[in-house]
Amino acid sequence: MEIEPWEALIRSMALHTLVRTYEPWLWPLCETLHYLGLSLLLGTVGLFDLRVLGLARGIPFQAIHRLIPWGIGGYLLNVLTGIVFFFGHPDQYFYNNAFRFKALFMAVAGLNVIAFYGTSAFRDLATLKGGMEAPMRGADAVNRDALGKDLVDAATVEIDNLKPPTQGLKHQTYHRQFSELSGD
């Protein structure tokens, strides 16, 4: 079976030779860095996105936004280690549909960051203080309200299921206050 011209080109490059030569230690190192980058990306950008959706309203956007450069660094780390993986075994990745989708989603995520900082969306969020909701428009507002309602409903069920402690004088005071509030 003859290899494709693009694959022959990649296999003729110095990075392919480097990865294949030092693969026993380079591959695990790159995997570790790749997971670190993923953790940075999800931990920071994920937290920021949850705040935009209305969770943790007590935290100002500016406080969370200071972490975003770490997330962008994680994204870049993943791109660089991903290139090393691809050059090491191009046939393993290029013909894999999951890899193609991953590459597409990574490109969309990069464009999303550019669009976020290039539009008024960031400027609107930058002025908000702790306790304020992010301004949403259209379907985003409907989705956030539905998500918020589900979270409030789940928390309410948990609170309704709480039983007050009944031991000791301090606990009897709590029990009496709970009974007065609940009508028991």
C-alpha atoms as a PDB file:
ATOM      1  CA  MET A   1       0.000   0.000   0.000  1.00  0.00           C
ATOM      2  CA  GLU A   2       1.397   3.334  -1.051  1.00  0.00           C
ATOM      3  CA  ILE A   3       1.302   6.217   1.424  1.00  0.00           C
ATOM      4  CA  GLU A   4      -0.348   9.506   0.532  1.00  0.00           C
ATOM      5  CA  PRO A   5       1.882  12.417  -0.521  1.00  0.00           C
ATOM      6  CA  TRP A   6       0.922  14.521   2.536  1.00  0.00           C
ATOM      7  CA  GLU A   7       1.908  11.632   4.827  1.00  0.00           C
ATOM      8  CA  ALA A   8       5.212  11.160   3.019  1.00  0.00           C
ATOM      9  CA  LEU A   9       5.880  14.882   3.490  1.00  0.00           C
ATOM     10  CA  ILE A  10       5.196  14.703   7.250  1.00  0.00           C
ATOM     11  CA  ARG A  11       7.289  11.567   7.631  1.00  0.00           C
ATOM     12  CA  SER A  12      10.202  13.328   5.889  1.00  0.00           C
ATOM     13  CA  MET A  13      10.220  16.218   8.396  1.00  0.00           C
ATOM     14  CA  ALA A  14      12.647  16.526  11.298  1.00  0.00           C
ATOM     15  CA  LEU A  15       9.848  16.637  13.890  1.00  0.00           C
ATOM     16  CA  HIS A  16       8.625  13.189  12.810  1.00  0.00           C
ATOM     17  CA  THR A  17      12.146  11.800  13.131  1.00  0.00           C
ATOM     18  CA  LEU A  18      12.614  13.461  16.518  1.00  0.00           C
ATOM     19  CA  VAL A  19       9.341  12.059  17.886  1.00  0.00           C
ATOM     20  CA  ARG A  20      10.045   8.548  16.606  1.00  0.00           C
ATOM     21  CA  THR A  21      13.643   8.581  17.862  1.00  0.00           C
ATOM     22  CA  TYR A  22      12.834   9.776  21.388  1.00  0.00           C
ATOM     23  CA  GLU A  23       9.339   8.304  21.603  1.00  0.00           C
ATOM     24  CA  PRO A  24       9.900   6.142  24.733  1.00  0.00           C
ATOM     25  CA  TRP A  25      10.265   9.225  26.939  1.00  0.00           C
ATOM     26  CA  LEU A  26       8.966  12.045  24.716  1.00  0.00           C
ATOM     27  CA  TRP A  27       5.494  10.554  24.256  1.00  0.00           C
ATOM     28  CA  PRO A  28       4.706  10.189  28.001  1.00  0.00           C
ATOM     29  CA  LEU A  29       6.109  13.668  28.640  1.00  0.00           C
ATOM     30  CA  CYS A  30       3.866  15.156  25.950  1.00  0.00           C
ATOM     31  CA  GLU A  31       0.855  13.218  27.247  1.00  0.00           C
ATOM     32  CA  THR A  32       1.455  14.612  30.727  1.00  0.00           C
ATOM     33  CA  LEU A  33       1.733  18.139  29.358  1.00  0.00           C
ATOM     34  CA  HIS A  34      -1.366  17.554  27.233  1.00  0.00           C
ATOM     35  CA  TYR A  35      -3.430  16.567  30.294  1.00  0.00           C
ATOM     36  CA  LEU A  36      -2.041  19.516  32.232  1.00  0.00           C
ATOM     37  CA  GLY A  37      -3.085  21.825  29.405  1.00  0.00           C
ATOM     38  CA  LEU A  38      -6.550  20.277  29.339  1.00  0.00           C
ATOM     39  CA  SER A  39      -6.889  20.755  33.095  1.00  0.00           C
ATOM     40  CA  LEU A  40      -5.846  24.398  32.831  1.00  0.00           C
ATOM     41  CA  LEU A  41      -8.252  24.965  29.967  1.00  0.00           C
ATOM     42  CA  LEU A  42     -11.283  23.323  31.538  1.00  0.00           C
ATOM     43  CA  GLY A  43     -10.560  24.562  35.046  1.00  0.00           C
ATOM     44  CA  THR A  44     -10.353  28.223  34.088  1.00  0.00           C
ATOM     45  CA  VAL A  45     -12.536  28.651  31.040  1.00  0.00           C
ATOM     46  CA  GLY A  46     -15.086  26.194  32.434  1.00  0.00           C
ATOM     47  CA  LEU A  47     -15.311  28.186  35.665  1.00  0.00           C
ATOM     48  CA  PHE A  48     -15.692  31.419  33.699  1.00  0.00           C
ATOM     49  CA  ASP A  49     -18.444  29.887  31.555  1.00  0.00           C
ATOM     50  CA  LEU A  50     -20.311  28.673  34.647  1.00  0.00           C
ATOM     51  CA  ARG A  51     -20.127  32.194  36.075  1.00  0.00           C
ATOM     52  CA  VAL A  52     -21.546  33.585  32.827  1.00  0.00           C
ATOM     53  CA  LEU A  53     -24.392  31.067  33.113  1.00  0.00           C
ATOM     54  CA  GLY A  54     -25.257  32.534  36.495  1.00  0.00           C
ATOM     55  CA  LEU A  55     -23.569  30.201  38.977  1.00  0.00           C
ATOM     56  CA  ALA A  56     -21.326  31.584  41.756  1.00  0.00           C
ATOM     57  CA  ARG A  57     -22.789  35.063  41.410  1.00  0.00           C
ATOM     58  CA  GLY A  58     -20.883  36.242  44.463  1.00  0.00           C
ATOM     59  CA  ILE A  59     -17.603  36.043  42.553  1.00  0.00           C
ATOM     60  CA  PRO A  60     -16.925  39.108  40.383  1.00  0.00           C
ATOM     61  CA  PHE A  61     -16.122  38.428  36.736  1.00  0.00           C
ATOM     62  CA  GLN A  62     -12.839  40.286  37.055  1.00  0.00           C
ATOM     63  CA  ALA A  63     -11.609  37.823  39.698  1.00  0.00           C
ATOM     64  CA  ILE A  64     -12.333  34.822  37.487  1.00  0.00           C
ATOM     65  CA  HIS A  65     -11.136  36.580  34.356  1.00  0.00           C
ATOM     66  CA  ARG A  66      -7.629  36.859  35.818  1.00  0.00           C
ATOM     67  CA  LEU A  67      -7.395  33.076  35.380  1.00  0.00           C
ATOM     68  CA  ILE A  68      -8.234  33.120  31.659  1.00  0.00           C
ATOM     69  CA  PRO A  69      -4.593  33.563  30.516  1.00  0.00           C
ATOM     70  CA  TRP A  70      -3.852  30.224  32.234  1.00  0.00           C
ATOM     71  CA  GLY A  71      -6.675  28.642  30.226  1.00  0.00           C
ATOM     72  CA  ILE A  72      -5.392  30.121  26.990  1.00  0.00           C
ATOM     73  CA  GLY A  73      -1.918  28.861  27.911  1.00  0.00           C
ATOM     74  CA  GLY A  74      -3.442  25.405  28.435  1.00  0.00           C
ATOM     75  CA  TYR A  75      -5.092  25.620  25.014  1.00  0.00           C
ATOM     76  CA  LEU A  76      -1.775  26.522  23.357  1.00  0.00           C
ATOM     77  CA  LEU A  77       0.009  23.752  25.269  1.00  0.00           C
ATOM     78  CA  ASN A  78      -2.570  21.279  23.934  1.00  0.00           C
ATOM     79  CA  VAL A  79      -2.126  22.543  20.381  1.00  0.00           C
ATOM     80  CA  LEU A  80       1.661  22.195  20.591  1.00  0.00           C
ATOM     81  CA  THR A  81       1.638  18.724  22.143  1.00  0.00           C
ATOM     82  CA  GLY A  82      -1.101  17.719  19.712  1.00  0.00           C
ATOM     83  CA  ILE A  83       1.190  18.689  16.835  1.00  0.00           C
ATOM     84  CA  VAL A  84       3.914  16.478  18.321  1.00  0.00           C
ATOM     85  CA  PHE A  85       1.448  13.569  18.535  1.00  0.00           C
ATOM     86  CA  PHE A  86       0.280  14.132  14.965  1.00  0.00           C
ATOM     87  CA  PHE A  87       3.799  14.302  13.549  1.00  0.00           C
ATOM     88  CA  GLY A  88       4.809  11.188  15.444  1.00  0.00           C
ATOM     89  CA  HIS A  89       1.984   9.022  14.045  1.00  0.00           C
ATOM     90  CA  PRO A  90       0.160  10.927  11.287  1.00  0.00           C
ATOM     91  CA  ASP A  91      -1.638   7.839   9.962  1.00  0.00           C
ATOM     92  CA  GLN A  92      -3.075   7.105  13.424  1.00  0.00           C
ATOM     93  CA  TYR A  93      -4.699  10.539  13.645  1.00  0.00           C
ATOM     94  CA  PHE A  94      -5.490  11.761  10.144  1.00  0.00           C
ATOM     95  CA  TYR A  95      -7.748   8.840   9.221  1.00  0.00           C
ATOM     96  CA  ASN A  96      -9.526   8.881  12.584  1.00  0.00           C
ATOM     97  CA  ASN A  97     -12.900  10.663  12.488  1.00  0.00           C
ATOM     98  CA  ALA A  98     -12.751  11.409  16.218  1.00  0.00           C
ATOM     99  CA  PHE A  99      -9.499  13.304  15.631  1.00  0.00           C
ATOM    100  CA  ARG A 100     -11.077  15.251  12.786  1.00  0.00           C
ATOM    101  CA  PHE A 101     -13.960  16.309  15.020  1.00  0.00           C
ATOM    102  CA  LYS A 102     -11.521  17.216  17.789  1.00  0.00           C
ATOM    103  CA  ALA A 103      -9.503  19.393  15.410  1.00  0.00           C
ATOM    104  CA  LEU A 104     -12.716  21.066  14.218  1.00  0.00           C
ATOM    105  CA  PHE A 105     -13.884  21.752  17.778  1.00  0.00           C
ATOM    106  CA  MET A 106     -10.455  23.077  18.775  1.00  0.00           C
ATOM    107  CA  ALA A 107     -10.597  25.505  15.844  1.00  0.00           C
ATOM    108  CA  VAL A 108     -14.121  26.598  16.826  1.00  0.00           C
ATOM    109  CA  ALA A 109     -12.971  27.108  20.444  1.00  0.00           C
ATOM    110  CA  GLY A 110     -10.099  29.289  19.247  1.00  0.00           C
ATOM    111  CA  LEU A 111     -12.465  31.339  17.088  1.00  0.00           C
ATOM    112  CA  ASN A 112     -14.837  31.621  20.047  1.00  0.00           C
ATOM    113  CA  VAL A 113     -12.116  33.250  22.171  1.00  0.00           C
ATOM    114  CA  ILE A 114     -11.297  35.665  19.360  1.00  0.00           C
ATOM    115  CA  ALA A 115     -14.990  36.513  18.893  1.00  0.00           C
ATOM    116  CA  PHE A 116     -15.541  36.960  22.637  1.00  0.00           C
ATOM    117  CA  TYR A 117     -12.732  39.468  23.024  1.00  0.00           C
ATOM    118  CA  GLY A 118     -13.411  41.117  19.667  1.00  0.00           C
ATOM    119  CA  THR A 119     -17.060  41.962  20.374  1.00  0.00           C
ATOM    120  CA  SER A 120     -18.924  43.870  23.059  1.00  0.00           C
ATOM    121  CA  ALA A 121     -19.494  40.631  25.026  1.00  0.00           C
ATOM    122  CA  PHE A 122     -16.288  41.019  27.046  1.00  0.00           C
ATOM    123  CA  ARG A 123     -16.785  44.743  27.617  1.00  0.00           C
ATOM    124  CA  ASP A 124     -20.286  44.040  28.986  1.00  0.00           C
ATOM    125  CA  LEU A 125     -18.943  41.450  31.439  1.00  0.00           C
ATOM    126  CA  ALA A 126     -15.909  43.449  32.523  1.00  0.00           C
ATOM    127  CA  THR A 127     -18.065  46.065  34.251  1.00  0.00           C
ATOM    128  CA  LEU A 128     -20.138  43.642  36.352  1.00  0.00           C
ATOM    129  CA  LYS A 129     -19.609  43.376  40.097  1.00  0.00           C
ATOM    130  CA  GLY A 130     -20.113  40.326  42.307  1.00  0.00           C
ATOM    131  CA  GLY A 131     -23.763  39.322  42.650  1.00  0.00           C
ATOM    132  CA  MET A 132     -24.746  40.648  39.224  1.00  0.00           C
ATOM    133  CA  GLU A 133     -25.951  38.440  36.400  1.00  0.00           C
ATOM    134  CA  ALA A 134     -24.281  38.372  33.022  1.00  0.00           C
ATOM    135  CA  PRO A 135     -26.302  40.095  30.311  1.00  0.00           C
ATOM    136  CA  MET A 136     -27.780  37.454  28.017  1.00  0.00           C
ATOM    137  CA  ARG A 137     -29.639  37.835  24.789  1.00  0.00           C
ATOM    138  CA  GLY A 138     -32.144  35.637  23.009  1.00  0.00           C
ATOM    139  CA  ALA A 139     -31.872  31.868  23.367  1.00  0.00           C
ATOM    140  CA  ASP A 140     -28.946  32.176  25.789  1.00  0.00           C
ATOM    141  CA  ALA A 141     -31.178  33.894  28.334  1.00  0.00           C
ATOM    142  CA  VAL A 142     -33.866  31.221  27.967  1.00  0.00           C
ATOM    143  CA  ASN A 143     -31.285  28.427  28.372  1.00  0.00           C
ATOM    144  CA  ARG A 144     -29.726  30.083  31.426  1.00  0.00           C
ATOM    145  CA  ASP A 145     -33.135  30.617  33.028  1.00  0.00           C
ATOM    146  CA  ALA A 146     -34.047  26.961  32.442  1.00  0.00           C
ATOM    147  CA  LEU A 147     -30.710  25.809  33.853  1.00  0.00           C
ATOM    148  CA  GLY A 148     -31.061  28.123  36.846  1.00  0.00           C
ATOM    149  CA  LYS A 149     -34.620  26.905  37.523  1.00  0.00           C
ATOM    150  CA  ASP A 150     -33.460  23.276  37.457  1.00  0.00           C
ATOM    151  CA  LEU A 151     -30.623  24.026  39.870  1.00  0.00           C
ATOM    152  CA  VAL A 152     -32.912  25.949  42.225  1.00  0.00           C
ATOM    153  CA  ASP A 153     -35.488  23.135  42.113  1.00  0.00           C
ATOM    154  CA  ALA A 154     -32.804  20.557  42.946  1.00  0.00           C
ATOM    155  CA  ALA A 155     -31.483  22.673  45.834  1.00  0.00           C
ATOM    156  CA  THR A 156     -35.015  23.232  47.142  1.00  0.00           C
ATOM    157  CA  VAL A 157     -35.699  19.497  47.211  1.00  0.00           C
ATOM    158  CA  GLU A 158     -32.483  18.951  49.180  1.00  0.00           C
ATOM    159  CA  ILE A 159     -33.317  21.734  51.641  1.00  0.00           C
ATOM    160  CA  ASP A 160     -36.867  20.405  52.094  1.00  0.00           C
ATOM    161  CA  ASN A 161     -35.442  16.991  52.979  1.00  0.00           C
ATOM    162  CA  LEU A 162     -33.214  18.333  55.748  1.00  0.00           C
ATOM    163  CA  LYS A 163     -34.116  17.184  59.233  1.00  0.00           C
ATOM    164  CA  PRO A 164     -33.042  19.306  62.207  1.00  0.00           C
ATOM    165  CA  PRO A 165     -30.911  17.771  64.929  1.00  0.00           C
ATOM    166  CA  THR A 166     -32.819  16.988  68.140  1.00  0.00           C
ATOM    167  CA  GLN A 167     -30.100  16.601  70.764  1.00  0.00           C
ATOM    168  CA  GLY A 168     -29.015  19.115  73.431  1.00  0.00           C
ATOM    169  CA  LEU A 169     -30.295  22.594  74.305  1.00  0.00           C
ATOM    170  CA  LYS A 170     -28.714  24.268  71.288  1.00  0.00           C
ATOM    171  CA  HIS A 171     -30.219  21.648  68.964  1.00  0.00           C
ATOM    172  CA  GLN A 172     -33.655  22.023  70.616  1.00  0.00           C
ATOM    173  CA  THR A 173     -33.535  25.754  69.805  1.00  0.00           C
ATOM    174  CA  TYR A 174     -32.790  24.954  66.150  1.00  0.00           C
ATOM    175  CA  HIS A 175     -35.529  22.342  66.131  1.00  0.00           C
ATOM    176  CA  ARG A 176     -38.075  24.821  67.553  1.00  0.00           C
ATOM    177  CA  GLN A 177     -37.062  27.481  64.998  1.00  0.00           C
ATOM    178  CA  PHE A 178     -37.285  24.958  62.177  1.00  0.00           C
ATOM    179  CA  SER A 179     -40.715  23.804  63.375  1.00  0.00           C
ATOM    180  CA  GLU A 180     -41.995  27.388  63.510  1.00  0.00           C
ATOM    181  CA  LEU A 181     -40.798  28.055  59.987  1.00  0.00           C
ATOM    182  CA  SER A 182     -42.158  24.860  58.513  1.00  0.00           C
ATOM    183  CA  GLY A 183     -45.477  24.960  60.374  1.00  0.00           C
ATOM    184  CA  ASP A 184     -44.937  21.601  62.138  1.00  0.00           C
END
